[in-house]
Amino acid sequence: MNQIENTLTSLEVAEMVGKNHKEVLRDIRKIIEQSGQRKVALTYFQEDTYEDVQGKNQPMYRVTKKGCEIFGNRMAGAKGTQFTFGYVERFNQMEDQIKQAQIPTTQRELVQLALSANEETNQRIDVVETKIQEIEENKLITTEDKGTIDSHVRKKVASICREQRLDQQAKSLLFQDLRSSIKRLFNVPNRGRIKDKDFLKALDFVDTWEPSSVTKAQIHQLSLFDETA
């Protein structure tokens, strides 16, 4: 049987991802430029034109299934997952139409068709599972979880202040040090951006945290200042 290469137009891709067509054209051109294999990339993103409402020819691309996969991999979060489901479904529909029109007539063609269908199904499952895994890996803690971390931070600082009989100034230094330590360790701008998978690790870090040598020195200086005041 002849294998027909199905494509989606960049106009359809733009509609599916909720972007302006010019933005999608820009993204595709950037992918081609960054690929380092322009000739190969152009087989996934085939240059073409379409006629606009004014009858003028405008640039577009015909995007193959592999091209959609490359394009989708650049999109993080829910939009990337939705696009993956969308283009997989569209290509499935096109492939089903082709298969209905190309009924195998020999035993060999039947075997090839069965093997091809199984391989494509496995590939689709792999793509979806990868996207789901990416979402899970990048999922942030909930507001409730952040509240729990905040509570542990307050308790830890209060415990140190109580044990060492520290004043409000020292308490502020401890809060600043602990907050900075959390942001550095988890590489986040604030505690609300900690990833869900790091939640328990964050709690353990707070509960076992000790002030830095710089903070200890600053607190010691405050104590000396109080003694001489």
N, C-alpha and C. Protein backbone atom coordinates (compact mmCIF):
# COMPACT_ATOMS: atom_id res chain seq x y z
N MET A 1 0.84 -1.20 0.00
CA MET A 1 0.00 0.00 0.00
C MET A 1 0.87 1.24 0.00
N ASN A 2 0.45 2.27 -0.65
CA ASN A 2 1.17 3.53 -0.64
C ASN A 2 0.93 4.24 0.67
N GLN A 3 2.01 4.78 1.25
CA GLN A 3 1.89 5.53 2.49
C GLN A 3 1.73 7.02 2.18
N ILE A 4 0.66 7.62 2.65
CA ILE A 4 0.41 9.03 2.40
C ILE A 4 0.80 9.84 3.64
N GLU A 5 1.60 10.88 3.45
CA GLU A 5 2.03 11.72 4.56
C GLU A 5 0.97 12.77 4.86
N ASN A 6 0.27 12.62 5.98
CA ASN A 6 -0.74 13.60 6.37
C ASN A 6 -0.08 14.82 7.00
N THR A 7 -0.74 15.95 6.87
CA THR A 7 -0.23 17.18 7.48
C THR A 7 -1.38 18.02 8.02
N LEU A 8 -1.04 18.89 8.95
CA LEU A 8 -1.93 19.96 9.38
C LEU A 8 -1.31 21.27 8.90
N THR A 9 -2.12 22.24 8.55
CA THR A 9 -1.57 23.52 8.17
C THR A 9 -1.21 24.31 9.43
N SER A 10 -0.28 25.25 9.28
CA SER A 10 0.08 26.09 10.42
C SER A 10 -1.11 26.92 10.88
N LEU A 11 -2.07 27.16 9.99
CA LEU A 11 -3.30 27.85 10.37
C LEU A 11 -4.10 27.00 11.36
N GLU A 12 -4.18 25.70 11.08
CA GLU A 12 -4.89 24.79 11.98
C GLU A 12 -4.16 24.68 13.31
N VAL A 13 -2.82 24.62 13.26
CA VAL A 13 -2.03 24.56 14.49
C VAL A 13 -2.29 25.80 15.35
N ALA A 14 -2.30 26.97 14.70
CA ALA A 14 -2.54 28.22 15.43
C ALA A 14 -3.89 28.19 16.14
N GLU A 15 -4.90 27.67 15.45
CA GLU A 15 -6.24 27.58 16.05
C GLU A 15 -6.24 26.62 17.23
N MET A 16 -5.52 25.51 17.10
CA MET A 16 -5.51 24.49 18.15
C MET A 16 -4.80 24.97 19.41
N VAL A 17 -3.75 25.79 19.25
CA VAL A 17 -2.99 26.24 20.42
C VAL A 17 -3.41 27.62 20.89
N GLY A 18 -4.40 28.23 20.20
CA GLY A 18 -4.90 29.53 20.61
C GLY A 18 -3.91 30.66 20.42
N LYS A 19 -3.17 30.60 19.30
CA LYS A 19 -2.18 31.65 19.01
C LYS A 19 -2.50 32.32 17.70
N ASN A 20 -1.94 33.52 17.51
CA ASN A 20 -2.01 34.19 16.22
C ASN A 20 -1.16 33.42 15.22
N HIS A 21 -1.62 33.35 13.95
CA HIS A 21 -0.88 32.58 12.94
C HIS A 21 0.54 33.10 12.77
N LYS A 22 0.73 34.41 12.87
CA LYS A 22 2.08 34.98 12.74
C LYS A 22 3.00 34.46 13.83
N GLU A 23 2.45 34.27 15.04
CA GLU A 23 3.26 33.75 16.15
C GLU A 23 3.68 32.32 15.87
N VAL A 24 2.76 31.52 15.31
CA VAL A 24 3.08 30.12 14.99
C VAL A 24 4.13 30.06 13.89
N LEU A 25 4.00 30.91 12.86
CA LEU A 25 5.02 30.97 11.81
C LEU A 25 6.38 31.31 12.40
N ARG A 26 6.39 32.28 13.31
CA ARG A 26 7.65 32.67 13.95
C ARG A 26 8.24 31.51 14.74
N ASP A 27 7.39 30.78 15.49
CA ASP A 27 7.87 29.64 16.29
C ASP A 27 8.43 28.54 15.40
N ILE A 28 7.75 28.25 14.29
CA ILE A 28 8.21 27.20 13.39
C ILE A 28 9.55 27.58 12.76
N ARG A 29 9.66 28.82 12.32
CA ARG A 29 10.93 29.28 11.71
C ARG A 29 12.07 29.19 12.72
N LYS A 30 11.76 29.48 13.98
CA LYS A 30 12.78 29.41 15.02
C LYS A 30 13.21 27.96 15.23
N ILE A 31 12.25 27.04 15.21
CA ILE A 31 12.57 25.61 15.35
C ILE A 31 13.49 25.17 14.22
N ILE A 32 13.16 25.57 12.99
CA ILE A 32 13.97 25.20 11.82
C ILE A 32 15.38 25.75 11.94
N GLU A 33 15.50 27.01 12.38
CA GLU A 33 16.81 27.64 12.52
C GLU A 33 17.64 26.97 13.59
N GLN A 34 17.00 26.57 14.69
CA GLN A 34 17.73 25.99 15.82
C GLN A 34 18.01 24.50 15.64
N SER A 35 17.38 23.88 14.66
CA SER A 35 17.50 22.43 14.50
C SER A 35 18.92 21.99 14.13
N GLY A 36 19.63 22.83 13.40
CA GLY A 36 20.95 22.43 12.91
C GLY A 36 20.86 21.46 11.75
N GLN A 37 19.65 21.09 11.38
CA GLN A 37 19.43 20.16 10.26
C GLN A 37 18.27 20.72 9.42
N ARG A 38 18.53 21.83 8.78
CA ARG A 38 17.48 22.55 8.08
C ARG A 38 16.74 21.67 7.07
N LYS A 39 17.48 20.86 6.31
CA LYS A 39 16.84 20.02 5.28
C LYS A 39 15.89 19.02 5.92
N VAL A 40 16.32 18.44 7.04
CA VAL A 40 15.46 17.47 7.74
C VAL A 40 14.25 18.19 8.33
N ALA A 41 14.50 19.35 8.96
CA ALA A 41 13.41 20.11 9.59
C ALA A 41 12.36 20.51 8.57
N LEU A 42 12.80 20.83 7.35
CA LEU A 42 11.85 21.26 6.32
C LEU A 42 10.99 20.10 5.81
N THR A 43 11.35 18.87 6.11
CA THR A 43 10.46 17.75 5.77
C THR A 43 9.34 17.64 6.79
N TYR A 44 9.57 18.16 8.00
CA TYR A 44 8.54 18.16 9.03
C TYR A 44 7.66 19.40 8.93
N PHE A 45 8.28 20.50 8.49
CA PHE A 45 7.56 21.76 8.33
C PHE A 45 7.72 22.20 6.86
N GLN A 46 6.74 21.85 6.04
CA GLN A 46 6.84 22.05 4.60
C GLN A 46 6.28 23.42 4.21
N GLU A 47 7.13 24.24 3.58
CA GLU A 47 6.71 25.59 3.19
C GLU A 47 5.61 25.54 2.14
N ASP A 48 4.61 26.39 2.30
CA ASP A 48 3.49 26.43 1.36
C ASP A 48 2.85 27.82 1.47
N THR A 49 1.80 28.05 0.72
CA THR A 49 1.07 29.32 0.79
C THR A 49 -0.43 29.03 0.82
N TYR A 50 -1.19 30.03 1.23
CA TYR A 50 -2.64 29.94 1.17
C TYR A 50 -3.17 31.29 0.69
N GLU A 51 -4.39 31.30 0.23
CA GLU A 51 -5.00 32.53 -0.26
C GLU A 51 -5.87 33.14 0.82
N ASP A 52 -5.57 34.40 1.20
CA ASP A 52 -6.34 35.04 2.26
C ASP A 52 -7.66 35.59 1.71
N VAL A 53 -8.42 36.27 2.58
CA VAL A 53 -9.75 36.75 2.19
C VAL A 53 -9.68 37.81 1.08
N GLN A 54 -8.51 38.43 0.92
CA GLN A 54 -8.34 39.44 -0.12
C GLN A 54 -7.79 38.85 -1.42
N GLY A 55 -7.63 37.53 -1.43
CA GLY A 55 -7.14 36.86 -2.63
C GLY A 55 -5.63 36.90 -2.78
N LYS A 56 -4.92 37.29 -1.69
CA LYS A 56 -3.46 37.36 -1.75
C LYS A 56 -2.85 36.08 -1.18
N ASN A 57 -1.74 35.66 -1.79
CA ASN A 57 -1.03 34.50 -1.29
C ASN A 57 -0.23 34.86 -0.05
N GLN A 58 -0.41 34.09 1.01
CA GLN A 58 0.29 34.32 2.27
C GLN A 58 1.06 33.05 2.66
N PRO A 59 2.18 33.21 3.37
CA PRO A 59 2.98 32.04 3.75
C PRO A 59 2.32 31.19 4.82
N MET A 60 2.54 29.90 4.74
CA MET A 60 2.11 28.98 5.79
C MET A 60 3.01 27.75 5.71
N TYR A 61 2.85 26.84 6.65
CA TYR A 61 3.56 25.57 6.64
C TYR A 61 2.56 24.43 6.71
N ARG A 62 2.94 23.33 6.08
CA ARG A 62 2.20 22.08 6.28
C ARG A 62 3.03 21.26 7.27
N VAL A 63 2.42 20.95 8.40
CA VAL A 63 3.14 20.34 9.51
C VAL A 63 2.81 18.85 9.60
N THR A 64 3.85 18.02 9.54
CA THR A 64 3.65 16.57 9.64
C THR A 64 3.41 16.18 11.10
N LYS A 65 3.13 14.91 11.31
CA LYS A 65 2.89 14.43 12.67
C LYS A 65 4.14 14.61 13.53
N LYS A 66 5.33 14.33 12.96
CA LYS A 66 6.57 14.54 13.70
C LYS A 66 6.79 16.02 13.97
N GLY A 67 6.41 16.85 12.99
CA GLY A 67 6.52 18.30 13.19
C GLY A 67 5.65 18.76 14.34
N CYS A 68 4.44 18.22 14.43
CA CYS A 68 3.54 18.57 15.54
C CYS A 68 4.14 18.14 16.87
N GLU A 69 4.78 16.98 16.88
CA GLU A 69 5.39 16.49 18.11
C GLU A 69 6.51 17.42 18.55
N ILE A 70 7.35 17.86 17.60
CA ILE A 70 8.44 18.79 17.91
C ILE A 70 7.86 20.11 18.41
N PHE A 71 6.84 20.61 17.70
CA PHE A 71 6.20 21.88 18.08
C PHE A 71 5.59 21.76 19.48
N GLY A 72 4.90 20.65 19.73
CA GLY A 72 4.24 20.46 21.03
C GLY A 72 5.20 20.33 22.18
N ASN A 73 6.40 19.75 21.92
CA ASN A 73 7.38 19.57 22.98
C ASN A 73 7.92 20.89 23.51
N ARG A 74 7.74 21.96 22.75
CA ARG A 74 8.19 23.29 23.18
C ARG A 74 7.16 23.97 24.08
N MET A 75 5.99 23.36 24.20
CA MET A 75 4.92 23.95 24.99
C MET A 75 4.79 23.22 26.32
N ALA A 76 4.89 23.94 27.41
CA ALA A 76 4.81 23.33 28.73
C ALA A 76 3.39 23.38 29.29
N GLY A 77 3.14 22.53 30.27
CA GLY A 77 1.88 22.59 31.00
C GLY A 77 0.67 22.08 30.25
N ALA A 78 -0.50 22.58 30.67
CA ALA A 78 -1.77 22.09 30.15
C ALA A 78 -1.93 22.34 28.66
N LYS A 79 -1.47 23.51 28.16
CA LYS A 79 -1.62 23.80 26.73
C LYS A 79 -0.89 22.79 25.88
N GLY A 80 0.33 22.41 26.32
CA GLY A 80 1.09 21.41 25.57
C GLY A 80 0.38 20.07 25.54
N THR A 81 -0.19 19.68 26.67
CA THR A 81 -0.92 18.41 26.73
C THR A 81 -2.16 18.44 25.85
N GLN A 82 -2.90 19.55 25.92
CA GLN A 82 -4.11 19.69 25.10
C GLN A 82 -3.78 19.64 23.61
N PHE A 83 -2.69 20.30 23.22
CA PHE A 83 -2.29 20.26 21.81
C PHE A 83 -1.91 18.85 21.40
N THR A 84 -1.19 18.13 22.27
CA THR A 84 -0.80 16.76 21.97
C THR A 84 -2.03 15.89 21.72
N PHE A 85 -3.01 15.96 22.61
CA PHE A 85 -4.23 15.19 22.42
C PHE A 85 -4.94 15.62 21.13
N GLY A 86 -4.93 16.93 20.87
CA GLY A 86 -5.62 17.45 19.69
C GLY A 86 -5.02 16.97 18.39
N TYR A 87 -3.69 17.09 18.26
CA TYR A 87 -3.10 16.70 16.97
C TYR A 87 -3.08 15.19 16.80
N VAL A 88 -2.92 14.45 17.91
CA VAL A 88 -2.97 12.98 17.81
C VAL A 88 -4.34 12.54 17.30
N GLU A 89 -5.40 13.16 17.83
CA GLU A 89 -6.75 12.81 17.41
C GLU A 89 -6.98 13.15 15.94
N ARG A 90 -6.48 14.32 15.51
CA ARG A 90 -6.66 14.74 14.13
C ARG A 90 -5.94 13.80 13.17
N PHE A 91 -4.73 13.42 13.50
CA PHE A 91 -3.99 12.50 12.62
C PHE A 91 -4.62 11.11 12.63
N ASN A 92 -5.15 10.72 13.78
CA ASN A 92 -5.84 9.43 13.83
C ASN A 92 -7.02 9.41 12.87
N GLN A 93 -7.78 10.51 12.87
CA GLN A 93 -8.93 10.60 11.97
C GLN A 93 -8.50 10.53 10.51
N MET A 94 -7.43 11.26 10.17
CA MET A 94 -6.94 11.23 8.78
C MET A 94 -6.44 9.84 8.40
N GLU A 95 -5.74 9.19 9.35
CA GLU A 95 -5.22 7.86 9.07
C GLU A 95 -6.35 6.85 8.90
N ASP A 96 -7.40 7.00 9.71
CA ASP A 96 -8.55 6.11 9.59
C ASP A 96 -9.22 6.25 8.23
N GLN A 97 -9.31 7.50 7.75
CA GLN A 97 -9.91 7.73 6.43
C GLN A 97 -9.09 7.10 5.32
N ILE A 98 -7.77 7.22 5.45
CA ILE A 98 -6.90 6.62 4.45
C ILE A 98 -7.01 5.10 4.47
N LYS A 99 -7.04 4.53 5.68
CA LYS A 99 -7.12 3.07 5.79
C LYS A 99 -8.44 2.53 5.23
N GLN A 100 -9.51 3.32 5.41
CA GLN A 100 -10.80 2.90 4.86
C GLN A 100 -10.77 2.91 3.34
N ALA A 101 -10.01 3.88 2.80
CA ALA A 101 -9.93 3.99 1.33
C ALA A 101 -8.93 3.01 0.75
N GLN A 102 -8.01 2.54 1.56
CA GLN A 102 -6.97 1.63 1.09
C GLN A 102 -7.09 0.29 1.80
N ILE A 103 -8.04 -0.47 1.44
CA ILE A 103 -8.28 -1.77 2.06
C ILE A 103 -7.20 -2.75 1.58
N PRO A 104 -6.49 -3.41 2.49
CA PRO A 104 -5.45 -4.36 2.08
C PRO A 104 -6.05 -5.53 1.29
N THR A 105 -5.34 -5.96 0.29
CA THR A 105 -5.85 -7.02 -0.60
C THR A 105 -5.04 -8.29 -0.51
N THR A 106 -3.88 -8.25 0.18
CA THR A 106 -3.04 -9.45 0.29
C THR A 106 -2.75 -9.73 1.76
N GLN A 107 -2.29 -10.96 2.02
CA GLN A 107 -1.95 -11.35 3.38
C GLN A 107 -0.81 -10.48 3.93
N ARG A 108 0.14 -10.18 3.06
CA ARG A 108 1.28 -9.36 3.47
C ARG A 108 0.83 -7.96 3.87
N GLU A 109 -0.09 -7.38 3.11
CA GLU A 109 -0.59 -6.05 3.43
C GLU A 109 -1.36 -6.06 4.74
N LEU A 110 -2.09 -7.12 5.01
CA LEU A 110 -2.81 -7.24 6.28
C LEU A 110 -1.84 -7.25 7.46
N VAL A 111 -0.75 -8.01 7.31
CA VAL A 111 0.25 -8.09 8.37
C VAL A 111 0.91 -6.73 8.58
N GLN A 112 1.28 -6.06 7.46
CA GLN A 112 1.90 -4.74 7.55
C GLN A 112 0.98 -3.73 8.22
N LEU A 113 -0.29 -3.80 7.90
CA LEU A 113 -1.26 -2.89 8.49
C LEU A 113 -1.37 -3.10 9.99
N ALA A 114 -1.41 -4.36 10.41
CA ALA A 114 -1.52 -4.67 11.84
C ALA A 114 -0.29 -4.20 12.61
N LEU A 115 0.89 -4.43 12.04
CA LEU A 115 2.13 -4.01 12.69
C LEU A 115 2.21 -2.49 12.78
N SER A 116 1.82 -1.83 11.71
CA SER A 116 1.86 -0.36 11.67
C SER A 116 0.92 0.24 12.71
N ALA A 117 -0.28 -0.32 12.80
CA ALA A 117 -1.26 0.19 13.75
C ALA A 117 -0.77 0.03 15.19
N ASN A 118 -0.15 -1.12 15.47
CA ASN A 118 0.35 -1.38 16.81
C ASN A 118 1.49 -0.42 17.17
N GLU A 119 2.38 -0.18 16.21
CA GLU A 119 3.50 0.73 16.44
C GLU A 119 3.02 2.16 16.68
N GLU A 120 2.05 2.59 15.88
CA GLU A 120 1.54 3.96 16.02
C GLU A 120 0.82 4.14 17.35
N THR A 121 0.09 3.11 17.77
CA THR A 121 -0.61 3.18 19.07
C THR A 121 0.39 3.31 20.20
N ASN A 122 1.47 2.53 20.15
CA ASN A 122 2.50 2.60 21.18
C ASN A 122 3.17 3.97 21.21
N GLN A 123 3.39 4.54 20.02
CA GLN A 123 4.01 5.86 19.94
C GLN A 123 3.10 6.91 20.56
N ARG A 124 1.80 6.83 20.27
CA ARG A 124 0.85 7.79 20.82
C ARG A 124 0.81 7.69 22.35
N ILE A 125 0.82 6.47 22.85
CA ILE A 125 0.80 6.26 24.30
C ILE A 125 2.05 6.84 24.93
N ASP A 126 3.21 6.62 24.27
CA ASP A 126 4.48 7.14 24.80
C ASP A 126 4.45 8.67 24.88
N VAL A 127 3.91 9.31 23.83
CA VAL A 127 3.85 10.78 23.81
C VAL A 127 2.98 11.30 24.94
N VAL A 128 1.80 10.71 25.10
CA VAL A 128 0.87 11.15 26.14
C VAL A 128 1.45 10.91 27.53
N GLU A 129 2.07 9.72 27.74
CA GLU A 129 2.66 9.41 29.03
C GLU A 129 3.79 10.37 29.37
N THR A 130 4.57 10.75 28.34
CA THR A 130 5.66 11.70 28.56
C THR A 130 5.11 13.05 28.99
N LYS A 131 4.04 13.50 28.32
CA LYS A 131 3.44 14.78 28.67
C LYS A 131 2.88 14.75 30.09
N ILE A 132 2.22 13.66 30.45
CA ILE A 132 1.65 13.54 31.80
C ILE A 132 2.77 13.56 32.85
N GLN A 133 3.86 12.86 32.54
CA GLN A 133 5.00 12.84 33.46
C GLN A 133 5.60 14.23 33.63
N GLU A 134 5.68 15.00 32.52
CA GLU A 134 6.20 16.36 32.60
C GLU A 134 5.32 17.24 33.48
N ILE A 135 4.00 17.07 33.35
CA ILE A 135 3.07 17.85 34.16
C ILE A 135 3.25 17.52 35.64
N GLU A 136 3.38 16.23 35.94
CA GLU A 136 3.55 15.81 37.33
C GLU A 136 4.86 16.33 37.90
N GLU A 137 5.92 16.30 37.07
CA GLU A 137 7.23 16.76 37.51
C GLU A 137 7.23 18.25 37.84
N ASN A 138 6.45 19.02 37.08
CA ASN A 138 6.46 20.48 37.22
C ASN A 138 5.30 21.04 38.03
N LYS A 139 4.44 20.16 38.56
CA LYS A 139 3.28 20.62 39.33
C LYS A 139 3.74 21.30 40.61
N LEU A 140 3.15 22.46 40.92
CA LEU A 140 3.53 23.22 42.11
C LEU A 140 2.71 22.79 43.32
N ILE A 141 3.20 23.14 44.50
CA ILE A 141 2.48 22.82 45.73
C ILE A 141 1.17 23.62 45.77
N THR A 142 0.21 23.11 46.50
CA THR A 142 -1.07 23.80 46.64
C THR A 142 -0.94 24.94 47.66
N THR A 143 -1.97 25.78 47.71
CA THR A 143 -2.00 26.87 48.70
C THR A 143 -1.96 26.30 50.11
N GLU A 144 -2.63 25.18 50.30
CA GLU A 144 -2.64 24.53 51.62
C GLU A 144 -1.24 24.05 51.99
N ASP A 145 -0.53 23.46 51.02
CA ASP A 145 0.83 22.97 51.28
C ASP A 145 1.77 24.14 51.61
N LYS A 146 1.61 25.25 50.90
CA LYS A 146 2.43 26.43 51.18
C LYS A 146 2.17 26.91 52.61
N GLY A 147 0.89 26.88 53.02
CA GLY A 147 0.55 27.27 54.38
C GLY A 147 1.23 26.38 55.41
N THR A 148 1.33 25.09 55.09
CA THR A 148 2.00 24.15 55.99
C THR A 148 3.48 24.49 56.11
N ILE A 149 4.12 24.79 54.98
CA ILE A 149 5.54 25.16 55.00
C ILE A 149 5.73 26.45 55.79
N ASP A 150 4.86 27.43 55.55
CA ASP A 150 4.94 28.70 56.28
C ASP A 150 4.84 28.47 57.79
N SER A 151 3.94 27.57 58.18
CA SER A 151 3.76 27.27 59.59
C SER A 151 5.02 26.66 60.19
N HIS A 152 5.66 25.76 59.45
CA HIS A 152 6.90 25.14 59.92
C HIS A 152 8.01 26.18 60.04
N VAL A 153 8.05 27.13 59.09
CA VAL A 153 9.05 28.20 59.14
C VAL A 153 8.87 29.02 60.41
N ARG A 154 7.63 29.41 60.71
CA ARG A 154 7.36 30.22 61.91
C ARG A 154 7.73 29.46 63.19
N LYS A 155 7.37 28.17 63.21
CA LYS A 155 7.67 27.36 64.40
C LYS A 155 9.17 27.20 64.60
N LYS A 156 9.90 27.01 63.48
CA LYS A 156 11.35 26.82 63.59
C LYS A 156 12.02 28.07 64.13
N VAL A 157 11.66 29.23 63.58
CA VAL A 157 12.25 30.49 64.04
C VAL A 157 11.87 30.76 65.50
N ALA A 158 10.61 30.51 65.85
CA ALA A 158 10.16 30.74 67.22
C ALA A 158 10.91 29.83 68.20
N SER A 159 11.18 28.60 67.77
CA SER A 159 11.90 27.65 68.62
C SER A 159 13.32 28.12 68.90
N ILE A 160 14.01 28.61 67.86
CA ILE A 160 15.38 29.09 68.03
C ILE A 160 15.40 30.32 68.93
N CYS A 161 14.45 31.22 68.69
CA CYS A 161 14.38 32.44 69.50
C CYS A 161 14.11 32.11 70.97
N ARG A 162 13.24 31.13 71.22
CA ARG A 162 12.90 30.75 72.58
C ARG A 162 14.11 30.11 73.29
N GLU A 163 14.80 29.22 72.57
CA GLU A 163 15.94 28.52 73.16
C GLU A 163 17.09 29.48 73.47
N GLN A 164 17.31 30.46 72.60
CA GLN A 164 18.45 31.36 72.75
C GLN A 164 18.05 32.73 73.30
N ARG A 165 16.77 32.90 73.62
CA ARG A 165 16.25 34.14 74.19
C ARG A 165 16.61 35.34 73.31
N LEU A 166 16.24 35.23 72.04
CA LEU A 166 16.57 36.28 71.07
C LEU A 166 15.44 37.28 70.94
N ASP A 167 15.80 38.52 70.57
CA ASP A 167 14.80 39.58 70.46
C ASP A 167 14.22 39.65 69.04
N GLN A 168 13.41 40.66 68.80
CA GLN A 168 12.72 40.80 67.52
C GLN A 168 13.68 41.01 66.36
N GLN A 169 14.76 41.78 66.59
CA GLN A 169 15.73 42.01 65.53
C GLN A 169 16.38 40.70 65.08
N ALA A 170 16.76 39.89 66.03
CA ALA A 170 17.37 38.59 65.72
C ALA A 170 16.35 37.70 65.01
N LYS A 171 15.12 37.78 65.47
CA LYS A 171 14.05 36.99 64.83
C LYS A 171 13.91 37.35 63.36
N SER A 172 13.98 38.63 63.04
CA SER A 172 13.87 39.07 61.64
C SER A 172 15.03 38.54 60.81
N LEU A 173 16.23 38.52 61.40
CA LEU A 173 17.41 37.99 60.69
C LEU A 173 17.23 36.49 60.41
N LEU A 174 16.68 35.76 61.36
CA LEU A 174 16.45 34.33 61.17
C LEU A 174 15.44 34.07 60.06
N PHE A 175 14.36 34.83 60.07
CA PHE A 175 13.36 34.68 59.01
C PHE A 175 13.98 34.94 57.64
N GLN A 176 14.76 36.00 57.54
CA GLN A 176 15.39 36.36 56.26
C GLN A 176 16.34 35.26 55.80
N ASP A 177 17.13 34.74 56.72
CA ASP A 177 18.09 33.69 56.39
C ASP A 177 17.39 32.41 55.93
N LEU A 178 16.35 32.00 56.67
CA LEU A 178 15.64 30.77 56.34
C LEU A 178 14.92 30.89 55.00
N ARG A 179 14.27 32.03 54.76
CA ARG A 179 13.58 32.23 53.48
C ARG A 179 14.57 32.18 52.32
N SER A 180 15.72 32.83 52.47
CA SER A 180 16.73 32.83 51.41
C SER A 180 17.27 31.42 51.18
N SER A 181 17.46 30.67 52.25
CA SER A 181 17.98 29.30 52.14
C SER A 181 17.02 28.41 51.34
N ILE A 182 15.71 28.55 51.62
CA ILE A 182 14.70 27.77 50.90
C ILE A 182 14.72 28.10 49.42
N LYS A 183 14.77 29.40 49.10
CA LYS A 183 14.76 29.83 47.69
C LYS A 183 15.99 29.32 46.95
N ARG A 184 17.15 29.35 47.62
CA ARG A 184 18.38 28.87 46.98
C ARG A 184 18.34 27.36 46.77
N LEU A 185 17.91 26.63 47.78
CA LEU A 185 17.91 25.17 47.70
C LEU A 185 16.99 24.66 46.60
N PHE A 186 15.79 25.25 46.49
CA PHE A 186 14.81 24.76 45.53
C PHE A 186 14.76 25.61 44.25
N ASN A 187 15.64 26.60 44.18
CA ASN A 187 15.77 27.45 42.99
C ASN A 187 14.42 28.04 42.58
N VAL A 188 13.79 28.70 43.55
CA VAL A 188 12.47 29.31 43.32
C VAL A 188 12.49 30.76 43.79
N PRO A 189 11.63 31.63 43.22
CA PRO A 189 11.58 33.03 43.65
C PRO A 189 10.85 33.21 44.97
N ASN A 190 9.97 32.25 45.31
CA ASN A 190 9.25 32.29 46.59
C ASN A 190 8.76 30.89 46.92
N ARG A 191 8.29 30.69 48.16
CA ARG A 191 7.91 29.35 48.60
C ARG A 191 6.72 28.79 47.83
N GLY A 192 5.88 29.67 47.30
CA GLY A 192 4.72 29.21 46.54
C GLY A 192 5.09 28.52 45.24
N ARG A 193 6.35 28.67 44.78
CA ARG A 193 6.79 28.05 43.52
C ARG A 193 7.51 26.73 43.73
N ILE A 194 7.54 26.25 44.97
CA ILE A 194 8.15 24.95 45.23
C ILE A 194 7.32 23.86 44.53
N LYS A 195 7.99 22.89 43.93
CA LYS A 195 7.29 21.82 43.22
C LYS A 195 6.68 20.83 44.20
N ASP A 196 5.57 20.26 43.78
CA ASP A 196 4.84 19.33 44.64
C ASP A 196 5.71 18.15 45.06
N LYS A 197 6.57 17.70 44.16
CA LYS A 197 7.42 16.54 44.46
C LYS A 197 8.47 16.85 45.53
N ASP A 198 8.71 18.17 45.78
CA ASP A 198 9.70 18.58 46.77
C ASP A 198 9.07 19.00 48.10
N PHE A 199 7.76 18.81 48.24
CA PHE A 199 7.04 19.29 49.43
C PHE A 199 7.61 18.69 50.71
N LEU A 200 7.72 17.36 50.79
CA LEU A 200 8.21 16.71 52.00
C LEU A 200 9.67 17.07 52.25
N LYS A 201 10.44 17.20 51.19
CA LYS A 201 11.84 17.58 51.31
C LYS A 201 11.95 18.97 51.92
N ALA A 202 11.04 19.87 51.51
CA ALA A 202 11.04 21.24 52.03
C ALA A 202 10.73 21.25 53.52
N LEU A 203 9.75 20.46 53.93
CA LEU A 203 9.40 20.39 55.36
C LEU A 203 10.57 19.87 56.18
N ASP A 204 11.22 18.83 55.69
CA ASP A 204 12.37 18.26 56.40
C ASP A 204 13.51 19.27 56.50
N PHE A 205 13.72 20.01 55.41
CA PHE A 205 14.78 21.03 55.41
C PHE A 205 14.50 22.09 56.47
N VAL A 206 13.27 22.59 56.52
CA VAL A 206 12.91 23.63 57.50
C VAL A 206 13.08 23.11 58.92
N ASP A 207 12.60 21.89 59.17
CA ASP A 207 12.63 21.34 60.53
C ASP A 207 14.06 21.09 61.03
N THR A 208 15.01 20.85 60.13
CA THR A 208 16.39 20.56 60.53
C THR A 208 17.34 21.73 60.24
N TRP A 209 16.79 22.85 59.83
CA TRP A 209 17.61 24.00 59.42
C TRP A 209 18.34 24.64 60.59
N GLU A 210 19.56 25.12 60.29
CA GLU A 210 20.34 25.88 61.26
C GLU A 210 20.75 27.19 60.60
N PRO A 211 20.79 28.29 61.35
CA PRO A 211 21.18 29.58 60.77
C PRO A 211 22.59 29.52 60.19
N SER A 212 22.84 30.34 59.18
CA SER A 212 24.17 30.41 58.58
C SER A 212 25.14 31.08 59.54
N SER A 213 26.43 30.90 59.29
CA SER A 213 27.45 31.50 60.14
C SER A 213 27.36 33.03 60.11
N VAL A 214 26.97 33.57 58.95
CA VAL A 214 26.83 35.03 58.83
C VAL A 214 25.71 35.52 59.74
N THR A 215 24.56 34.82 59.70
CA THR A 215 23.43 35.22 60.54
C THR A 215 23.78 35.09 62.03
N LYS A 216 24.47 34.01 62.36
CA LYS A 216 24.88 33.84 63.76
C LYS A 216 25.78 34.98 64.21
N ALA A 217 26.69 35.41 63.32
CA ALA A 217 27.59 36.50 63.66
C ALA A 217 26.81 37.81 63.83
N GLN A 218 25.82 38.02 62.97
CA GLN A 218 25.00 39.24 63.07
C GLN A 218 24.22 39.26 64.38
N ILE A 219 23.68 38.11 64.76
CA ILE A 219 22.92 38.01 66.02
C ILE A 219 23.85 38.24 67.21
N HIS A 220 25.07 37.70 67.11
CA HIS A 220 26.05 37.88 68.18
C HIS A 220 26.39 39.36 68.35
N GLN A 221 26.55 40.07 67.23
CA GLN A 221 26.84 41.50 67.28
C GLN A 221 25.69 42.26 67.94
N LEU A 222 24.46 41.84 67.65
CA LEU A 222 23.31 42.48 68.31
C LEU A 222 23.35 42.29 69.81
N SER A 223 23.76 41.10 70.23
CA SER A 223 23.86 40.79 71.67
C SER A 223 24.91 41.66 72.34
N LEU A 224 26.05 41.81 71.66
CA LEU A 224 27.12 42.65 72.21
C LEU A 224 26.66 44.09 72.31
N PHE A 225 25.90 44.53 71.29
CA PHE A 225 25.41 45.90 71.28
C PHE A 225 24.47 46.14 72.46
N ASP A 226 23.62 45.14 72.72
CA ASP A 226 22.67 45.26 73.84
C ASP A 226 23.39 45.35 75.17
N GLU A 227 24.52 44.60 75.30
CA GLU A 227 25.25 44.56 76.55
C GLU A 227 25.95 45.89 76.85
N THR A 228 26.35 46.59 75.78
CA THR A 228 27.08 47.84 75.96
C THR A 228 26.17 49.07 75.97
N ALA A 229 24.87 48.81 75.63
CA ALA A 229 23.93 49.94 75.53
C ALA A 229 23.61 50.48 76.92
